[in-house]
């Protein structure tokens, strides 16, 4: 999905007023304004001219007004033909239906990566 003409200001409406967002660096942002402000800084700065691509991978409706979905996303910088795999992220979202519209109440983003060195060592040790 590209941000298009609406930009982040249009996308910010996707969040509830008191939404929680945990970034892939572990920073915890609280509230639509804080989430919007941080993203606006990114899109005005280092991510200027980039494209956000993503898709919903899995969705579970817990109730008619509550769902959890996992999404995949990657940012393609303006000079790239496609986003490198190292920029792939997976996110977990809790969404609620408010006044007939779905909004994100909680969002956690994590960079997709392979097993780290310690995990490889423990795996090798446990298979002996």
N, C-alpha and C. Protein backbone atom coordinates (compact mmCIF):
# COMPACT_ATOMS: atom_id res chain seq x y z
N UNK A 1 0.85 -1.17 0.00
CA UNK A 1 0.00 0.00 0.00
C UNK A 1 0.89 1.22 0.00
N UNK A 2 0.64 2.11 -0.87
CA UNK A 2 1.36 3.37 -0.87
C UNK A 2 0.55 4.37 -0.07
N UNK A 3 1.21 5.35 0.50
CA UNK A 3 0.48 6.33 1.29
C UNK A 3 -0.27 7.32 0.41
N UNK A 4 0.17 7.48 -0.82
CA UNK A 4 -0.55 8.30 -1.78
C UNK A 4 -0.80 9.73 -1.31
N UNK A 5 -1.85 10.34 -1.83
CA UNK A 5 -2.16 11.74 -1.54
C UNK A 5 -2.57 11.96 -0.09
N UNK A 6 -3.16 10.95 0.54
CA UNK A 6 -3.62 11.11 1.92
C UNK A 6 -2.45 11.20 2.89
N UNK A 7 -1.32 10.59 2.54
CA UNK A 7 -0.15 10.62 3.40
C UNK A 7 -0.43 10.00 4.76
N UNK A 8 0.50 10.25 5.69
CA UNK A 8 0.34 9.66 7.02
C UNK A 8 -0.85 10.27 7.74
N UNK A 9 -1.20 11.52 7.48
CA UNK A 9 -2.33 12.13 8.16
C UNK A 9 -3.62 11.37 7.88
N UNK A 10 -3.77 10.88 6.66
CA UNK A 10 -4.95 10.07 6.33
C UNK A 10 -4.87 8.69 6.97
N UNK A 11 -3.68 8.14 6.99
CA UNK A 11 -3.50 6.81 7.56
C UNK A 11 -3.66 6.82 9.08
N UNK A 12 -3.36 7.94 9.73
CA UNK A 12 -3.47 8.02 11.19
C UNK A 12 -4.88 7.73 11.67
N UNK A 13 -5.87 7.98 10.83
CA UNK A 13 -7.26 7.71 11.20
C UNK A 13 -7.54 6.22 11.37
N UNK A 14 -6.60 5.39 10.94
CA UNK A 14 -6.75 3.94 11.11
C UNK A 14 -6.59 3.51 12.56
N UNK A 15 -6.02 4.38 13.40
CA UNK A 15 -5.76 4.03 14.79
C UNK A 15 -6.83 4.59 15.72
N UNK A 16 -7.12 3.87 16.80
CA UNK A 16 -8.02 4.40 17.82
C UNK A 16 -7.31 5.56 18.53
N UNK A 17 -8.07 6.35 19.22
CA UNK A 17 -7.49 7.51 19.90
C UNK A 17 -6.41 7.11 20.91
N UNK A 18 -6.62 5.99 21.58
CA UNK A 18 -5.69 5.55 22.64
C UNK A 18 -4.89 4.32 22.21
N UNK A 19 -4.61 4.18 20.93
CA UNK A 19 -3.90 3.00 20.41
C UNK A 19 -2.51 2.87 21.03
N UNK A 20 -2.03 1.64 21.05
CA UNK A 20 -0.66 1.34 21.48
C UNK A 20 0.11 0.82 20.28
N UNK A 21 1.36 1.23 20.16
CA UNK A 21 2.22 0.80 19.06
C UNK A 21 3.59 0.48 19.63
N UNK A 22 4.05 -0.75 19.41
CA UNK A 22 5.40 -1.14 19.81
C UNK A 22 6.21 -1.29 18.52
N UNK A 23 7.23 -0.46 18.37
CA UNK A 23 8.05 -0.46 17.16
C UNK A 23 8.97 -1.67 17.14
N UNK A 24 9.58 -1.93 15.99
CA UNK A 24 10.49 -3.08 15.90
C UNK A 24 11.75 -2.87 16.73
N UNK A 25 11.97 -1.66 17.22
CA UNK A 25 13.09 -1.39 18.12
C UNK A 25 12.66 -1.49 19.58
N UNK A 26 11.38 -1.79 19.83
CA UNK A 26 10.90 -1.97 21.18
C UNK A 26 10.36 -0.71 21.84
N UNK A 27 10.31 0.40 21.12
CA UNK A 27 9.76 1.63 21.68
C UNK A 27 8.24 1.50 21.76
N UNK A 28 7.65 1.92 22.88
CA UNK A 28 6.21 1.84 23.09
C UNK A 28 5.60 3.23 22.96
N UNK A 29 4.80 3.42 21.92
CA UNK A 29 4.12 4.70 21.71
C UNK A 29 2.66 4.53 22.12
N UNK A 30 2.11 5.54 22.77
CA UNK A 30 0.73 5.48 23.24
C UNK A 30 -0.06 6.65 22.70
N UNK A 31 -1.17 6.32 22.05
CA UNK A 31 -2.09 7.33 21.53
C UNK A 31 -1.87 7.62 20.06
N UNK A 32 -2.97 7.91 19.37
CA UNK A 32 -2.95 8.19 17.94
C UNK A 32 -1.99 9.33 17.60
N UNK A 33 -1.98 10.39 18.42
CA UNK A 33 -1.12 11.54 18.13
C UNK A 33 0.35 11.16 18.18
N UNK A 34 0.77 10.44 19.21
CA UNK A 34 2.18 10.03 19.32
C UNK A 34 2.58 9.14 18.15
N UNK A 35 1.71 8.22 17.78
CA UNK A 35 1.98 7.31 16.65
C UNK A 35 2.10 8.12 15.36
N UNK A 36 1.16 9.04 15.15
CA UNK A 36 1.18 9.87 13.94
C UNK A 36 2.41 10.77 13.89
N UNK A 37 2.77 11.37 15.03
CA UNK A 37 3.92 12.28 15.05
C UNK A 37 5.21 11.57 14.68
N UNK A 38 5.43 10.39 15.25
CA UNK A 38 6.65 9.63 14.95
C UNK A 38 6.70 9.24 13.48
N UNK A 39 5.57 8.77 12.95
CA UNK A 39 5.56 8.37 11.54
C UNK A 39 5.70 9.57 10.62
N UNK A 40 5.11 10.68 11.00
CA UNK A 40 5.25 11.88 10.17
C UNK A 40 6.71 12.30 10.07
N UNK A 41 7.43 12.23 11.20
CA UNK A 41 8.88 12.54 11.20
C UNK A 41 9.62 11.61 10.23
N UNK A 42 9.28 10.33 10.30
CA UNK A 42 9.95 9.36 9.41
C UNK A 42 9.66 9.68 7.94
N UNK A 43 8.38 9.90 7.61
CA UNK A 43 8.01 10.13 6.20
C UNK A 43 8.52 11.48 5.71
N UNK A 44 8.72 12.44 6.60
CA UNK A 44 9.29 13.72 6.20
C UNK A 44 10.81 13.67 6.12
N UNK A 45 11.41 12.69 6.76
CA UNK A 45 12.87 12.59 6.83
C UNK A 45 13.41 11.41 6.05
N UNK A 46 13.93 10.45 6.77
CA UNK A 46 14.65 9.33 6.17
C UNK A 46 13.79 8.52 5.19
N UNK A 47 12.49 8.48 5.39
CA UNK A 47 11.61 7.70 4.51
C UNK A 47 10.94 8.54 3.42
N UNK A 48 11.35 9.79 3.27
CA UNK A 48 10.75 10.66 2.26
C UNK A 48 10.81 10.02 0.87
N UNK A 49 9.67 10.00 0.21
CA UNK A 49 9.59 9.46 -1.15
C UNK A 49 9.54 7.94 -1.22
N UNK A 50 9.52 7.28 -0.09
CA UNK A 50 9.50 5.81 -0.09
C UNK A 50 8.07 5.30 -0.21
N UNK A 51 7.95 4.00 -0.41
CA UNK A 51 6.66 3.35 -0.54
C UNK A 51 6.55 2.25 0.50
N UNK A 52 5.41 2.19 1.17
CA UNK A 52 5.14 1.13 2.13
C UNK A 52 4.29 0.07 1.45
N UNK A 53 4.82 -1.14 1.37
CA UNK A 53 4.09 -2.25 0.79
C UNK A 53 3.73 -3.22 1.90
N UNK A 54 2.57 -3.85 1.79
CA UNK A 54 2.20 -4.80 2.82
C UNK A 54 0.95 -5.56 2.47
N UNK A 55 0.66 -6.55 3.29
CA UNK A 55 -0.55 -7.34 3.10
C UNK A 55 -0.91 -8.02 4.41
N UNK A 56 -2.19 -8.33 4.55
CA UNK A 56 -2.65 -9.11 5.70
C UNK A 56 -2.36 -10.57 5.41
N UNK A 57 -1.65 -11.22 6.31
CA UNK A 57 -1.25 -12.62 6.14
C UNK A 57 -2.30 -13.55 6.75
N UNK A 58 -2.83 -13.17 7.91
CA UNK A 58 -3.80 -14.01 8.62
C UNK A 58 -4.69 -13.10 9.45
N UNK A 59 -5.98 -13.44 9.51
CA UNK A 59 -6.90 -12.67 10.34
C UNK A 59 -7.83 -13.62 11.08
N UNK A 60 -8.05 -13.34 12.35
CA UNK A 60 -8.98 -14.11 13.18
C UNK A 60 -9.97 -13.14 13.81
N UNK A 61 -11.26 -13.39 13.57
CA UNK A 61 -12.31 -12.58 14.18
C UNK A 61 -12.66 -13.21 15.52
N UNK A 62 -12.34 -12.53 16.59
CA UNK A 62 -12.60 -13.02 17.94
C UNK A 62 -14.09 -12.82 18.26
N UNK A 63 -14.61 -11.65 17.93
CA UNK A 63 -16.03 -11.32 18.03
C UNK A 63 -16.36 -10.51 16.77
N UNK A 64 -17.63 -10.17 16.55
CA UNK A 64 -17.95 -9.33 15.39
C UNK A 64 -17.31 -7.94 15.44
N UNK A 65 -16.84 -7.50 16.62
CA UNK A 65 -16.23 -6.18 16.76
C UNK A 65 -14.76 -6.22 17.15
N UNK A 66 -14.15 -7.40 17.17
CA UNK A 66 -12.76 -7.54 17.59
C UNK A 66 -12.05 -8.58 16.72
N UNK A 67 -10.90 -8.22 16.20
CA UNK A 67 -10.12 -9.15 15.37
C UNK A 67 -8.64 -8.96 15.65
N UNK A 68 -7.90 -10.02 15.38
CA UNK A 68 -6.44 -9.98 15.46
C UNK A 68 -5.93 -10.37 14.09
N UNK A 69 -5.01 -9.56 13.56
CA UNK A 69 -4.43 -9.96 12.28
C UNK A 69 -2.93 -9.78 12.29
N UNK A 70 -2.29 -10.61 11.48
CA UNK A 70 -0.85 -10.52 11.26
C UNK A 70 -0.65 -9.99 9.85
N UNK A 71 0.25 -9.05 9.74
CA UNK A 71 0.54 -8.46 8.45
C UNK A 71 2.02 -8.51 8.14
N UNK A 72 2.33 -8.44 6.89
CA UNK A 72 3.71 -8.36 6.41
C UNK A 72 3.86 -6.99 5.78
N UNK A 73 5.03 -6.40 5.94
CA UNK A 73 5.27 -5.10 5.33
C UNK A 73 6.74 -4.85 5.08
N UNK A 74 7.00 -3.96 4.15
CA UNK A 74 8.38 -3.57 3.83
C UNK A 74 8.34 -2.17 3.22
N UNK A 75 9.35 -1.39 3.53
CA UNK A 75 9.49 -0.05 2.96
C UNK A 75 10.49 -0.11 1.82
N UNK A 76 10.06 0.36 0.66
CA UNK A 76 10.94 0.48 -0.51
C UNK A 76 11.37 1.93 -0.59
N UNK A 77 12.67 2.15 -0.46
CA UNK A 77 13.19 3.51 -0.51
C UNK A 77 13.06 4.05 -1.94
N UNK A 78 13.03 5.35 -2.09
CA UNK A 78 12.75 5.97 -3.39
C UNK A 78 13.73 5.58 -4.47
N UNK A 79 14.95 5.22 -4.13
CA UNK A 79 15.95 4.85 -5.13
C UNK A 79 15.98 3.35 -5.43
N UNK A 80 15.17 2.56 -4.74
CA UNK A 80 15.18 1.11 -4.91
C UNK A 80 14.10 0.65 -5.88
N UNK A 81 14.42 -0.40 -6.65
CA UNK A 81 13.41 -1.00 -7.53
C UNK A 81 12.47 -1.88 -6.73
N UNK A 82 13.00 -2.50 -5.68
CA UNK A 82 12.18 -3.28 -4.76
C UNK A 82 12.82 -3.25 -3.39
N UNK A 83 12.01 -3.47 -2.37
CA UNK A 83 12.52 -3.45 -0.99
C UNK A 83 13.39 -4.67 -0.75
N UNK A 84 14.55 -4.51 -0.13
CA UNK A 84 15.39 -5.66 0.18
C UNK A 84 14.74 -6.51 1.28
N UNK A 85 14.99 -7.81 1.25
CA UNK A 85 14.41 -8.74 2.23
C UNK A 85 14.74 -8.32 3.67
N UNK A 86 15.88 -7.70 3.88
CA UNK A 86 16.27 -7.32 5.25
C UNK A 86 15.35 -6.25 5.83
N UNK A 87 14.50 -5.64 5.01
CA UNK A 87 13.54 -4.63 5.50
C UNK A 87 12.17 -5.25 5.79
N UNK A 88 12.00 -6.55 5.54
CA UNK A 88 10.71 -7.19 5.79
C UNK A 88 10.38 -7.17 7.28
N UNK A 89 9.14 -6.85 7.58
CA UNK A 89 8.65 -6.84 8.96
C UNK A 89 7.35 -7.62 9.04
N UNK A 90 7.08 -8.15 10.21
CA UNK A 90 5.79 -8.77 10.47
C UNK A 90 5.18 -8.01 11.63
N UNK A 91 3.88 -7.83 11.58
CA UNK A 91 3.23 -7.09 12.65
C UNK A 91 1.99 -7.82 13.14
N UNK A 92 1.69 -7.62 14.40
CA UNK A 92 0.49 -8.16 15.02
C UNK A 92 -0.39 -6.98 15.37
N UNK A 93 -1.65 -7.05 14.97
CA UNK A 93 -2.59 -5.95 15.16
C UNK A 93 -3.84 -6.44 15.88
N UNK A 94 -4.31 -5.66 16.83
CA UNK A 94 -5.61 -5.87 17.46
C UNK A 94 -6.49 -4.75 16.93
N UNK A 95 -7.57 -5.12 16.27
CA UNK A 95 -8.46 -4.12 15.67
C UNK A 95 -9.85 -4.23 16.27
N UNK A 96 -10.48 -3.07 16.42
CA UNK A 96 -11.83 -3.00 16.98
C UNK A 96 -12.74 -2.24 16.01
N UNK A 97 -13.98 -2.63 16.01
CA UNK A 97 -14.95 -1.94 15.17
C UNK A 97 -15.61 -0.84 15.99
N UNK A 98 -15.43 0.40 15.55
CA UNK A 98 -15.99 1.56 16.24
C UNK A 98 -16.86 2.34 15.26
N UNK A 99 -18.12 2.52 15.60
CA UNK A 99 -19.05 3.25 14.73
C UNK A 99 -19.03 2.70 13.31
N UNK A 100 -18.97 1.38 13.19
CA UNK A 100 -19.02 0.72 11.89
C UNK A 100 -17.70 0.68 11.13
N UNK A 101 -16.62 1.22 11.71
CA UNK A 101 -15.32 1.24 11.03
C UNK A 101 -14.27 0.53 11.87
N UNK A 102 -13.40 -0.21 11.20
CA UNK A 102 -12.32 -0.92 11.89
C UNK A 102 -11.17 0.03 12.16
N UNK A 103 -10.65 -0.02 13.39
CA UNK A 103 -9.52 0.81 13.80
C UNK A 103 -8.51 -0.07 14.55
N UNK A 104 -7.25 0.30 14.44
CA UNK A 104 -6.18 -0.43 15.12
C UNK A 104 -6.08 0.07 16.55
N UNK A 105 -6.25 -0.87 17.51
CA UNK A 105 -6.13 -0.53 18.93
C UNK A 105 -4.73 -0.84 19.45
N UNK A 106 -4.08 -1.84 18.86
CA UNK A 106 -2.72 -2.21 19.27
C UNK A 106 -1.99 -2.77 18.06
N UNK A 107 -0.71 -2.42 17.96
CA UNK A 107 0.10 -2.76 16.80
C UNK A 107 1.52 -3.02 17.28
N UNK A 108 2.06 -4.19 16.97
CA UNK A 108 3.46 -4.46 17.30
C UNK A 108 4.16 -4.88 16.02
N UNK A 109 5.26 -4.22 15.74
CA UNK A 109 6.02 -4.43 14.52
C UNK A 109 7.36 -5.08 14.86
N UNK A 110 7.75 -6.10 14.11
CA UNK A 110 9.03 -6.78 14.35
C UNK A 110 9.72 -7.04 13.03
N UNK A 111 11.00 -6.81 13.01
CA UNK A 111 11.80 -7.10 11.82
C UNK A 111 11.90 -8.62 11.67
N UNK A 112 11.71 -9.13 10.47
CA UNK A 112 11.85 -10.56 10.21
C UNK A 112 13.32 -10.88 10.06
N UNK A 113 13.78 -11.85 10.80
CA UNK A 113 15.18 -12.25 10.70
C UNK A 113 15.29 -13.74 10.99
N UNK A 114 16.40 -14.30 10.61
CA UNK A 114 16.66 -15.70 10.90
C UNK A 114 17.11 -15.87 12.33
N UNK A 115 17.37 -17.10 12.73
CA UNK A 115 17.83 -17.33 14.10
C UNK A 115 19.18 -16.67 14.35
N UNK A 116 19.33 -16.12 15.56
CA UNK A 116 20.58 -15.50 15.95
C UNK A 116 21.62 -16.54 16.34
N UNK A 117 22.82 -16.09 16.60
CA UNK A 117 23.94 -16.97 16.93
C UNK A 117 23.63 -17.84 18.14
N UNK A 118 23.11 -17.25 19.21
CA UNK A 118 22.83 -18.02 20.42
C UNK A 118 21.76 -19.08 20.17
N UNK A 119 20.74 -18.75 19.40
CA UNK A 119 19.70 -19.72 19.09
C UNK A 119 20.28 -20.88 18.29
N UNK A 120 21.18 -20.59 17.36
CA UNK A 120 21.83 -21.65 16.58
C UNK A 120 22.66 -22.56 17.48
N UNK A 121 23.39 -21.96 18.42
CA UNK A 121 24.22 -22.74 19.33
C UNK A 121 23.35 -23.65 20.20
N UNK A 122 22.30 -23.09 20.80
CA UNK A 122 21.41 -23.89 21.66
C UNK A 122 20.71 -24.99 20.88
N UNK A 123 20.29 -24.68 19.67
CA UNK A 123 19.64 -25.69 18.83
C UNK A 123 20.58 -26.84 18.54
N UNK A 124 21.82 -26.51 18.19
CA UNK A 124 22.82 -27.54 17.89
C UNK A 124 23.11 -28.38 19.13
N UNK A 125 23.24 -27.71 20.30
CA UNK A 125 23.52 -28.43 21.55
C UNK A 125 22.37 -29.34 21.95
N UNK A 126 21.15 -28.89 21.75
CA UNK A 126 19.99 -29.68 22.18
C UNK A 126 19.71 -30.85 21.24
N UNK A 127 20.26 -30.84 20.05
CA UNK A 127 20.01 -31.93 19.11
C UNK A 127 21.02 -33.07 19.28
N UNK A 128 21.96 -32.92 20.21
CA UNK A 128 22.97 -33.96 20.43
C UNK A 128 22.45 -35.04 21.31
